[in-house]
Amino acid sequence: MASPAGWVEPAQAPEFDEHTAVLSGTLLVHHDSGTVEVRAGQSVTVPAGLRVRYETPEGAEYVAVCLPAFGMDIVHREGA
């Protein structure tokens, strides 16, 4: 995924685990207890059911692997 600077995704509480490796830039993962900053060369795992919101204030390139596979019917994005 190539995400531009200033991108903000709606909050979601997916039914899948999401493993994300950041290749360049910074990905912010906001959750009810705070924010995790994930920089190039780092990764983060978000477990199924956790309410999160992703943001790339400076832009980022990253790879996300969802298990089971991503689906619009199981991502549960707010406002969608």
N, C-alpha and C. Protein backbone atom coordinates (compact mmCIF):
# COMPACT_ATOMS: atom_id res chain seq x y z
N MET A 1 0.84 -1.16 0.00
CA MET A 1 0.00 0.00 0.00
C MET A 1 0.89 1.23 0.00
N ALA A 2 0.55 2.19 -0.83
CA ALA A 2 1.22 3.49 -0.83
C ALA A 2 0.19 4.50 -0.35
N SER A 3 0.43 5.06 0.81
CA SER A 3 -0.53 5.95 1.44
C SER A 3 0.03 7.38 1.44
N PRO A 4 -0.74 8.35 0.96
CA PRO A 4 -0.24 9.72 0.89
C PRO A 4 -0.19 10.41 2.25
N ALA A 5 0.57 11.47 2.31
CA ALA A 5 0.63 12.28 3.52
C ALA A 5 -0.76 12.81 3.85
N GLY A 6 -1.13 12.75 5.13
CA GLY A 6 -2.41 13.26 5.57
C GLY A 6 -3.57 12.28 5.47
N TRP A 7 -3.30 11.04 5.04
CA TRP A 7 -4.37 10.05 4.91
C TRP A 7 -4.82 9.57 6.29
N VAL A 8 -6.15 9.47 6.46
CA VAL A 8 -6.73 8.96 7.69
C VAL A 8 -7.85 8.00 7.29
N GLU A 9 -7.79 6.79 7.81
CA GLU A 9 -8.83 5.79 7.53
C GLU A 9 -9.87 5.86 8.63
N PRO A 10 -11.15 5.62 8.29
CA PRO A 10 -12.16 5.58 9.35
C PRO A 10 -11.85 4.48 10.37
N ALA A 11 -12.31 4.67 11.59
CA ALA A 11 -12.12 3.65 12.63
C ALA A 11 -12.80 2.36 12.20
N GLN A 12 -12.25 1.24 12.64
CA GLN A 12 -12.79 -0.06 12.28
C GLN A 12 -12.51 -1.05 13.41
N ALA A 13 -13.28 -2.12 13.44
CA ALA A 13 -13.07 -3.21 14.40
C ALA A 13 -13.22 -4.52 13.61
N PRO A 14 -12.18 -4.89 12.85
CA PRO A 14 -12.28 -6.03 11.93
C PRO A 14 -12.33 -7.38 12.63
N GLU A 15 -12.83 -8.36 11.89
CA GLU A 15 -12.90 -9.74 12.37
C GLU A 15 -11.66 -10.54 11.98
N PHE A 16 -10.57 -9.85 11.61
CA PHE A 16 -9.33 -10.52 11.22
C PHE A 16 -8.15 -9.89 11.94
N ASP A 17 -7.08 -10.67 12.10
CA ASP A 17 -5.81 -10.12 12.59
C ASP A 17 -5.15 -9.41 11.42
N GLU A 18 -4.52 -8.27 11.68
CA GLU A 18 -3.82 -7.55 10.62
C GLU A 18 -2.37 -7.35 11.02
N HIS A 19 -1.46 -7.87 10.20
CA HIS A 19 -0.02 -7.78 10.42
C HIS A 19 0.51 -6.78 9.39
N THR A 20 1.13 -5.70 9.85
CA THR A 20 1.56 -4.64 8.94
C THR A 20 3.05 -4.37 9.11
N ALA A 21 3.79 -4.39 8.01
CA ALA A 21 5.21 -4.06 7.98
C ALA A 21 5.38 -2.76 7.21
N VAL A 22 5.99 -1.77 7.83
CA VAL A 22 6.18 -0.46 7.21
C VAL A 22 7.51 -0.46 6.46
N LEU A 23 7.45 -0.14 5.18
CA LEU A 23 8.64 -0.11 4.32
C LEU A 23 9.29 1.27 4.32
N SER A 24 8.46 2.32 4.32
CA SER A 24 8.97 3.70 4.38
C SER A 24 7.92 4.58 5.02
N GLY A 25 8.37 5.67 5.61
CA GLY A 25 7.44 6.60 6.26
C GLY A 25 7.02 6.12 7.63
N THR A 26 5.88 6.62 8.09
CA THR A 26 5.37 6.32 9.42
C THR A 26 3.87 6.04 9.34
N LEU A 27 3.46 4.99 10.02
CA LEU A 27 2.05 4.63 10.15
C LEU A 27 1.66 4.80 11.61
N LEU A 28 0.60 5.54 11.86
CA LEU A 28 0.08 5.67 13.23
C LEU A 28 -1.12 4.73 13.36
N VAL A 29 -1.14 3.98 14.44
CA VAL A 29 -2.24 3.07 14.72
C VAL A 29 -2.89 3.56 16.02
N HIS A 30 -4.04 4.20 15.88
CA HIS A 30 -4.77 4.73 17.03
C HIS A 30 -5.72 3.65 17.54
N HIS A 31 -5.75 3.46 18.86
CA HIS A 31 -6.67 2.51 19.47
C HIS A 31 -7.18 3.14 20.76
N ASP A 32 -8.12 2.50 21.41
CA ASP A 32 -8.78 3.11 22.57
C ASP A 32 -7.83 3.42 23.73
N SER A 33 -6.67 2.75 23.79
CA SER A 33 -5.72 2.99 24.88
C SER A 33 -4.58 3.92 24.51
N GLY A 34 -4.54 4.40 23.26
CA GLY A 34 -3.46 5.29 22.84
C GLY A 34 -3.13 5.15 21.37
N THR A 35 -1.88 5.42 21.04
CA THR A 35 -1.41 5.39 19.65
C THR A 35 -0.06 4.69 19.59
N VAL A 36 0.10 3.85 18.57
CA VAL A 36 1.37 3.19 18.30
C VAL A 36 1.94 3.81 17.03
N GLU A 37 3.19 4.25 17.08
CA GLU A 37 3.88 4.81 15.93
C GLU A 37 4.77 3.72 15.34
N VAL A 38 4.53 3.39 14.07
CA VAL A 38 5.27 2.32 13.40
C VAL A 38 6.07 2.94 12.26
N ARG A 39 7.39 2.87 12.37
CA ARG A 39 8.28 3.49 11.38
C ARG A 39 8.86 2.45 10.43
N ALA A 40 9.51 2.93 9.38
CA ALA A 40 10.13 2.05 8.39
C ALA A 40 11.02 1.02 9.09
N GLY A 41 10.87 -0.24 8.69
CA GLY A 41 11.64 -1.32 9.29
C GLY A 41 10.97 -1.95 10.49
N GLN A 42 9.82 -1.42 10.89
CA GLN A 42 9.09 -1.97 12.03
C GLN A 42 7.77 -2.58 11.55
N SER A 43 7.17 -3.37 12.44
CA SER A 43 5.87 -3.96 12.11
C SER A 43 4.98 -3.91 13.35
N VAL A 44 3.71 -4.13 13.10
CA VAL A 44 2.72 -4.13 14.18
C VAL A 44 1.67 -5.18 13.85
N THR A 45 1.13 -5.81 14.89
CA THR A 45 0.02 -6.74 14.72
C THR A 45 -1.17 -6.20 15.49
N VAL A 46 -2.30 -6.09 14.80
CA VAL A 46 -3.55 -5.66 15.41
C VAL A 46 -4.46 -6.87 15.46
N PRO A 47 -4.84 -7.32 16.66
CA PRO A 47 -5.68 -8.52 16.77
C PRO A 47 -7.13 -8.25 16.36
N ALA A 48 -7.78 -9.28 15.89
CA ALA A 48 -9.19 -9.20 15.51
C ALA A 48 -10.01 -8.62 16.65
N GLY A 49 -10.97 -7.76 16.30
CA GLY A 49 -11.88 -7.20 17.29
C GLY A 49 -11.42 -5.90 17.92
N LEU A 50 -10.15 -5.54 17.77
CA LEU A 50 -9.65 -4.29 18.35
C LEU A 50 -10.09 -3.12 17.49
N ARG A 51 -10.68 -2.10 18.10
CA ARG A 51 -11.09 -0.91 17.36
C ARG A 51 -9.85 -0.06 17.11
N VAL A 52 -9.56 0.19 15.83
CA VAL A 52 -8.37 0.94 15.44
C VAL A 52 -8.70 1.94 14.34
N ARG A 53 -7.79 2.91 14.20
CA ARG A 53 -7.85 3.86 13.09
C ARG A 53 -6.42 4.09 12.63
N TYR A 54 -6.18 3.95 11.32
CA TYR A 54 -4.84 4.11 10.75
C TYR A 54 -4.69 5.51 10.17
N GLU A 55 -3.43 6.03 10.25
CA GLU A 55 -3.15 7.37 9.75
C GLU A 55 -1.70 7.43 9.26
N THR A 56 -1.47 8.16 8.18
CA THR A 56 -0.11 8.38 7.69
C THR A 56 0.12 9.89 7.53
N PRO A 57 0.52 10.56 8.59
CA PRO A 57 0.68 12.02 8.54
C PRO A 57 1.74 12.48 7.55
N GLU A 58 2.79 11.67 7.35
CA GLU A 58 3.88 12.04 6.43
C GLU A 58 3.86 11.18 5.17
N GLY A 59 2.90 10.28 5.05
CA GLY A 59 2.88 9.31 3.96
C GLY A 59 3.66 8.07 4.36
N ALA A 60 3.33 6.94 3.75
CA ALA A 60 4.01 5.69 4.09
C ALA A 60 3.76 4.65 3.00
N GLU A 61 4.68 3.71 2.92
CA GLU A 61 4.50 2.51 2.11
C GLU A 61 4.58 1.34 3.07
N TYR A 62 3.61 0.43 2.97
CA TYR A 62 3.59 -0.70 3.88
C TYR A 62 2.87 -1.88 3.26
N VAL A 63 3.09 -3.03 3.86
CA VAL A 63 2.45 -4.27 3.44
C VAL A 63 1.58 -4.74 4.60
N ALA A 64 0.32 -5.00 4.33
CA ALA A 64 -0.60 -5.49 5.35
C ALA A 64 -1.09 -6.88 4.95
N VAL A 65 -1.02 -7.79 5.90
CA VAL A 65 -1.50 -9.16 5.69
C VAL A 65 -2.62 -9.40 6.70
N CYS A 66 -3.80 -9.73 6.18
CA CYS A 66 -4.97 -9.96 7.01
C CYS A 66 -5.30 -11.44 7.04
N LEU A 67 -5.51 -11.98 8.25
CA LEU A 67 -5.83 -13.39 8.42
C LEU A 67 -7.05 -13.54 9.33
N PRO A 68 -8.18 -14.06 8.86
CA PRO A 68 -8.44 -14.44 7.48
C PRO A 68 -8.42 -13.22 6.57
N ALA A 69 -8.54 -13.42 5.28
CA ALA A 69 -8.39 -12.36 4.29
C ALA A 69 -9.35 -11.20 4.54
N PHE A 70 -8.87 -10.00 4.20
CA PHE A 70 -9.67 -8.77 4.29
C PHE A 70 -10.96 -8.94 3.50
N GLY A 71 -12.02 -8.38 4.03
CA GLY A 71 -13.30 -8.33 3.32
C GLY A 71 -14.11 -7.16 3.84
N MET A 72 -14.78 -6.46 2.93
CA MET A 72 -15.59 -5.31 3.35
C MET A 72 -16.70 -5.72 4.32
N ASP A 73 -17.14 -6.97 4.24
CA ASP A 73 -18.20 -7.44 5.12
C ASP A 73 -17.71 -7.78 6.52
N ILE A 74 -16.39 -7.85 6.72
CA ILE A 74 -15.87 -8.19 8.05
C ILE A 74 -14.91 -7.14 8.62
N VAL A 75 -14.75 -6.01 7.93
CA VAL A 75 -13.85 -4.96 8.43
C VAL A 75 -14.57 -4.04 9.42
N HIS A 76 -15.86 -3.85 9.25
CA HIS A 76 -16.69 -3.05 10.16
C HIS A 76 -16.16 -1.63 10.35
N ARG A 77 -15.98 -0.92 9.22
CA ARG A 77 -15.55 0.48 9.26
C ARG A 77 -16.70 1.37 9.71
N GLU A 78 -16.38 2.30 10.57
CA GLU A 78 -17.40 3.24 11.04
C GLU A 78 -17.74 4.24 9.94
N GLY A 79 -19.01 4.52 9.79
CA GLY A 79 -19.46 5.48 8.78
C GLY A 79 -19.51 4.91 7.38
N ALA A 80 -19.25 3.61 7.24
CA ALA A 80 -19.27 3.01 5.88
C ALA A 80 -20.48 2.13 5.71
